[in-house]
Amino acid sequence: MKTVASLMLACALLVPVDNAWSSPPALKGDSEWTNQHKSALKLTVEASGMVSGTFTTAVGCGAGKARKVVGTMNGLAISFLVNFDECESITAWNGHLLVDGGNESLSTLWHLPIGVSPVTFKSTLAGADIFTRSTVKSGCKPGSLSLMGVGC
């Protein structure tokens, strides 16, 4: 058992620390998305994987107000969050970019903790959103294939 642990530690030390487990983001540049509730998501994804933009919810507290998005993307995986300050809540989405016949979507699960006291099980909501890309990359025709940010 001690030999296995020593071998695992030695292998771990061989892995470079910077970007050891990261892949280039599958999305790059600006894109616009809409979910099943008609909420709007505008994203900018940097080559480093840093995600920024705005989210405008069409439902619930603060509907219609654009809010700042911050997050990260690693390969096809994406994670971003939005602070709904006047609602005393933050929502975090985690999911994947899916490409099907040239149609792109972000399939996500979300958690929404509400800043209330006392904290109870009911103070955290959870659900799922599917965001469909509503813009076409420049130079591409609607329905053309885009995979891992290469091609259309």
C-alpha atoms as a PDB file:
ATOM      1  CA  MET A   1       0.000   0.000   0.000  1.00  0.00           C
ATOM      2  CA  LYS A   2       2.852   2.361   0.867  1.00  0.00           C
ATOM      3  CA  THR A   3       4.470   1.620  -2.524  1.00  0.00           C
ATOM      4  CA  VAL A   4       1.223   2.483  -4.376  1.00  0.00           C
ATOM      5  CA  ALA A   5       0.930   5.790  -2.499  1.00  0.00           C
ATOM      6  CA  SER A   6       4.563   6.641  -3.270  1.00  0.00           C
ATOM      7  CA  LEU A   7       4.054   5.811  -6.942  1.00  0.00           C
ATOM      8  CA  MET A   8       0.909   7.979  -7.109  1.00  0.00           C
ATOM      9  CA  LEU A   9       2.752  10.895  -5.497  1.00  0.00           C
ATOM     10  CA  ALA A  10       5.676  10.527  -7.921  1.00  0.00           C
ATOM     11  CA  CYS A  11       3.300  10.538 -10.912  1.00  0.00           C
ATOM     12  CA  ALA A  12       1.466  13.574  -9.566  1.00  0.00           C
ATOM     13  CA  LEU A  13       4.730  15.474  -9.297  1.00  0.00           C
ATOM     14  CA  LEU A  14       5.437  14.835 -13.001  1.00  0.00           C
ATOM     15  CA  VAL A  15       2.260  16.657 -14.094  1.00  0.00           C
ATOM     16  CA  PRO A  16       2.816  20.349 -14.865  1.00  0.00           C
ATOM     17  CA  VAL A  17       0.825  22.583 -12.529  1.00  0.00           C
ATOM     18  CA  ASP A  18      -0.262  25.210 -15.059  1.00  0.00           C
ATOM     19  CA  ASN A  19      -3.185  24.019 -17.215  1.00  0.00           C
ATOM     20  CA  ALA A  20      -2.531  20.402 -16.244  1.00  0.00           C
ATOM     21  CA  TRP A  21      -6.165  19.434 -16.722  1.00  0.00           C
ATOM     22  CA  SER A  22      -7.468  22.153 -19.046  1.00  0.00           C
ATOM     23  CA  SER A  23      -8.367  22.121 -22.720  1.00  0.00           C
ATOM     24  CA  PRO A  24      -8.883  25.119 -24.977  1.00  0.00           C
ATOM     25  CA  PRO A  25     -12.456  26.387 -24.706  1.00  0.00           C
ATOM     26  CA  ALA A  26     -14.774  25.055 -27.415  1.00  0.00           C
ATOM     27  CA  LEU A  27     -16.341  28.507 -27.780  1.00  0.00           C
ATOM     28  CA  LYS A  28     -14.286  31.567 -28.567  1.00  0.00           C
ATOM     29  CA  GLY A  29     -15.397  35.153 -29.016  1.00  0.00           C
ATOM     30  CA  ASP A  30     -18.915  36.516 -28.723  1.00  0.00           C
ATOM     31  CA  SER A  31     -22.138  34.519 -28.833  1.00  0.00           C
ATOM     32  CA  GLU A  32     -25.780  34.964 -27.883  1.00  0.00           C
ATOM     33  CA  TRP A  33     -28.053  32.322 -26.379  1.00  0.00           C
ATOM     34  CA  THR A  34     -31.705  31.994 -25.315  1.00  0.00           C
ATOM     35  CA  ASN A  35     -33.110  29.448 -22.869  1.00  0.00           C
ATOM     36  CA  GLN A  36     -36.528  27.781 -22.743  1.00  0.00           C
ATOM     37  CA  HIS A  37     -37.887  30.693 -20.644  1.00  0.00           C
ATOM     38  CA  LYS A  38     -36.725  33.288 -23.227  1.00  0.00           C
ATOM     39  CA  SER A  39     -33.961  34.547 -20.916  1.00  0.00           C
ATOM     40  CA  ALA A  40     -31.020  36.036 -22.853  1.00  0.00           C
ATOM     41  CA  LEU A  41     -27.361  35.121 -22.324  1.00  0.00           C
ATOM     42  CA  LYS A  42     -24.590  37.069 -24.073  1.00  0.00           C
ATOM     43  CA  LEU A  43     -21.141  35.491 -23.677  1.00  0.00           C
ATOM     44  CA  THR A  44     -17.570  36.396 -24.518  1.00  0.00           C
ATOM     45  CA  VAL A  45     -15.141  33.491 -24.168  1.00  0.00           C
ATOM     46  CA  GLU A  46     -11.420  34.324 -24.173  1.00  0.00           C
ATOM     47  CA  ALA A  47      -8.765  31.911 -25.479  1.00  0.00           C
ATOM     48  CA  SER A  48      -7.785  31.368 -21.809  1.00  0.00           C
ATOM     49  CA  GLY A  49     -11.290  30.051 -21.070  1.00  0.00           C
ATOM     50  CA  MET A  50     -12.394  33.137 -19.103  1.00  0.00           C
ATOM     51  CA  VAL A  51     -16.140  33.737 -19.612  1.00  0.00           C
ATOM     52  CA  SER A  52     -17.835  37.139 -19.269  1.00  0.00           C
ATOM     53  CA  GLY A  53     -21.018  38.737 -20.512  1.00  0.00           C
ATOM     54  CA  THR A  54     -24.588  39.504 -19.448  1.00  0.00           C
ATOM     55  CA  PHE A  55     -27.673  37.528 -18.472  1.00  0.00           C
ATOM     56  CA  THR A  56     -31.186  38.953 -18.636  1.00  0.00           C
ATOM     57  CA  THR A  57     -33.789  36.758 -16.984  1.00  0.00           C
ATOM     58  CA  ALA A  58     -37.286  36.715 -18.430  1.00  0.00           C
ATOM     59  CA  VAL A  59     -38.824  35.250 -15.255  1.00  0.00           C
ATOM     60  CA  GLY A  60     -38.845  35.773 -11.502  1.00  0.00           C
ATOM     61  CA  CYS A  61     -37.208  38.428  -9.385  1.00  0.00           C
ATOM     62  CA  GLY A  62     -35.529  41.175 -11.408  1.00  0.00           C
ATOM     63  CA  ALA A  63     -36.872  40.084 -14.796  1.00  0.00           C
ATOM     64  CA  GLY A  64     -35.699  42.269 -17.664  1.00  0.00           C
ATOM     65  CA  LYS A  65     -32.515  43.582 -15.992  1.00  0.00           C
ATOM     66  CA  ALA A  66     -29.157  42.691 -17.602  1.00  0.00           C
ATOM     67  CA  ARG A  67     -26.651  41.327 -15.066  1.00  0.00           C
ATOM     68  CA  LYS A  68     -22.933  40.586 -15.233  1.00  0.00           C
ATOM     69  CA  VAL A  69     -21.848  37.005 -16.009  1.00  0.00           C
ATOM     70  CA  VAL A  70     -18.499  35.590 -14.854  1.00  0.00           C
ATOM     71  CA  GLY A  71     -17.225  32.074 -15.391  1.00  0.00           C
ATOM     72  CA  THR A  72     -14.876  29.695 -17.106  1.00  0.00           C
ATOM     73  CA  MET A  73     -14.855  27.194 -19.965  1.00  0.00           C
ATOM     74  CA  ASN A  74     -12.641  24.130 -20.292  1.00  0.00           C
ATOM     75  CA  GLY A  75     -13.080  22.220 -23.549  1.00  0.00           C
ATOM     76  CA  LEU A  76     -16.819  21.572 -23.828  1.00  0.00           C
ATOM     77  CA  ALA A  77     -17.469  22.176 -20.103  1.00  0.00           C
ATOM     78  CA  ILE A  78     -18.772  25.583 -18.987  1.00  0.00           C
ATOM     79  CA  SER A  79     -19.530  27.143 -15.621  1.00  0.00           C
ATOM     80  CA  PHE A  80     -20.852  30.656 -15.006  1.00  0.00           C
ATOM     81  CA  LEU A  81     -22.669  32.610 -12.334  1.00  0.00           C
ATOM     82  CA  VAL A  82     -24.859  35.670 -11.938  1.00  0.00           C
ATOM     83  CA  ASN A  83     -25.464  37.777  -8.814  1.00  0.00           C
ATOM     84  CA  PHE A  84     -29.110  38.837  -8.451  1.00  0.00           C
ATOM     85  CA  ASP A  85     -28.283  41.394  -5.754  1.00  0.00           C
ATOM     86  CA  GLU A  86     -31.755  42.902  -5.217  1.00  0.00           C
ATOM     87  CA  CYS A  87     -33.152  39.351  -4.983  1.00  0.00           C
ATOM     88  CA  GLU A  88     -30.522  38.296  -2.411  1.00  0.00           C
ATOM     89  CA  SER A  89     -29.541  35.337  -4.568  1.00  0.00           C
ATOM     90  CA  ILE A  90     -26.800  34.005  -6.823  1.00  0.00           C
ATOM     91  CA  THR A  91     -27.320  31.449  -9.578  1.00  0.00           C
ATOM     92  CA  ALA A  92     -24.547  29.165 -10.831  1.00  0.00           C
ATOM     93  CA  TRP A  93     -24.911  27.181 -14.068  1.00  0.00           C
ATOM     94  CA  ASN A  94     -22.673  24.189 -14.927  1.00  0.00           C
ATOM     95  CA  GLY A  95     -22.906  22.205 -18.126  1.00  0.00           C
ATOM     96  CA  HIS A  96     -21.641  21.367 -21.577  1.00  0.00           C
ATOM     97  CA  LEU A  97     -21.636  22.729 -25.090  1.00  0.00           C
ATOM     98  CA  LEU A  98     -23.529  20.301 -27.318  1.00  0.00           C
ATOM     99  CA  VAL A  99     -23.293  20.303 -31.115  1.00  0.00           C
ATOM    100  CA  ASP A 100     -25.944  18.380 -33.041  1.00  0.00           C
ATOM    101  CA  GLY A 101     -26.080  18.726 -36.814  1.00  0.00           C
ATOM    102  CA  GLY A 102     -24.698  22.253 -36.636  1.00  0.00           C
ATOM    103  CA  ASN A 103     -27.108  23.355 -33.899  1.00  0.00           C
ATOM    104  CA  GLU A 104     -25.315  24.474 -30.746  1.00  0.00           C
ATOM    105  CA  SER A 105     -26.760  24.427 -27.246  1.00  0.00           C
ATOM    106  CA  LEU A 106     -25.560  24.748 -23.671  1.00  0.00           C
ATOM    107  CA  SER A 107     -27.106  22.013 -21.548  1.00  0.00           C
ATOM    108  CA  THR A 108     -26.847  23.168 -17.923  1.00  0.00           C
ATOM    109  CA  LEU A 109     -27.864  22.409 -14.361  1.00  0.00           C
ATOM    110  CA  TRP A 110     -28.231  25.328 -11.947  1.00  0.00           C
ATOM    111  CA  HIS A 111     -28.326  26.064  -8.220  1.00  0.00           C
ATOM    112  CA  LEU A 112     -29.852  29.220  -6.784  1.00  0.00           C
ATOM    113  CA  PRO A 113     -29.136  29.813  -3.080  1.00  0.00           C
ATOM    114  CA  ILE A 114     -31.255  32.542  -1.508  1.00  0.00           C
ATOM    115  CA  GLY A 115     -29.559  34.702   1.134  1.00  0.00           C
ATOM    116  CA  VAL A 116     -32.154  34.267   3.872  1.00  0.00           C
ATOM    117  CA  SER A 117     -31.833  33.489   7.531  1.00  0.00           C
ATOM    118  CA  PRO A 118     -32.190  30.902   8.843  1.00  0.00           C
ATOM    119  CA  VAL A 119     -30.755  28.825   6.026  1.00  0.00           C
ATOM    120  CA  THR A 120     -32.986  25.819   5.340  1.00  0.00           C
ATOM    121  CA  PHE A 121     -33.294  23.194   2.636  1.00  0.00           C
ATOM    122  CA  LYS A 122     -35.931  25.394   0.952  1.00  0.00           C
ATOM    123  CA  SER A 123     -33.445  28.268   0.608  1.00  0.00           C
ATOM    124  CA  THR A 124     -31.654  26.568  -2.317  1.00  0.00           C
ATOM    125  CA  LEU A 125     -33.438  25.993  -5.597  1.00  0.00           C
ATOM    126  CA  ALA A 126     -32.149  23.741  -8.383  1.00  0.00           C
ATOM    127  CA  GLY A 127     -33.074  23.091 -11.978  1.00  0.00           C
ATOM    128  CA  ALA A 128     -31.927  22.772 -15.561  1.00  0.00           C
ATOM    129  CA  ASP A 129     -31.736  25.147 -18.520  1.00  0.00           C
ATOM    130  CA  ILE A 130     -30.971  24.529 -22.169  1.00  0.00           C
ATOM    131  CA  PHE A 131     -29.587  27.593 -23.924  1.00  0.00           C
ATOM    132  CA  THR A 132     -29.845  27.573 -27.730  1.00  0.00           C
ATOM    133  CA  ARG A 133     -27.400  29.654 -29.727  1.00  0.00           C
ATOM    134  CA  SER A 134     -29.232  32.551 -31.333  1.00  0.00           C
ATOM    135  CA  THR A 135     -26.329  33.996 -33.364  1.00  0.00           C
ATOM    136  CA  VAL A 136     -24.408  32.477 -36.230  1.00  0.00           C
ATOM    137  CA  LYS A 137     -20.626  32.866 -36.343  1.00  0.00           C
ATOM    138  CA  SER A 138     -19.418  35.273 -39.035  1.00  0.00           C
ATOM    139  CA  GLY A 139     -18.770  33.559 -42.348  1.00  0.00           C
ATOM    140  CA  CYS A 140     -20.934  30.563 -41.427  1.00  0.00           C
ATOM    141  CA  LYS A 141     -24.317  29.535 -42.769  1.00  0.00           C
ATOM    142  CA  PRO A 142     -27.107  28.530 -40.352  1.00  0.00           C
ATOM    143  CA  GLY A 143     -26.975  24.775 -39.763  1.00  0.00           C
ATOM    144  CA  SER A 144     -23.276  24.378 -40.658  1.00  0.00           C
ATOM    145  CA  LEU A 145     -21.116  22.295 -38.314  1.00  0.00           C
ATOM    146  CA  SER A 146     -19.033  23.756 -35.479  1.00  0.00           C
ATOM    147  CA  LEU A 147     -17.081  21.462 -33.219  1.00  0.00           C
ATOM    148  CA  MET A 148     -14.509  22.504 -30.630  1.00  0.00           C
ATOM    149  CA  GLY A 149     -14.402  26.012 -32.147  1.00  0.00           C
ATOM    150  CA  VAL A 150     -13.088  24.725 -35.489  1.00  0.00           C
ATOM    151  CA  GLY A 151     -14.991  25.385 -38.712  1.00  0.00           C
ATOM    152  CA  CYS A 152     -18.532  26.713 -38.717  1.00  0.00           C
END
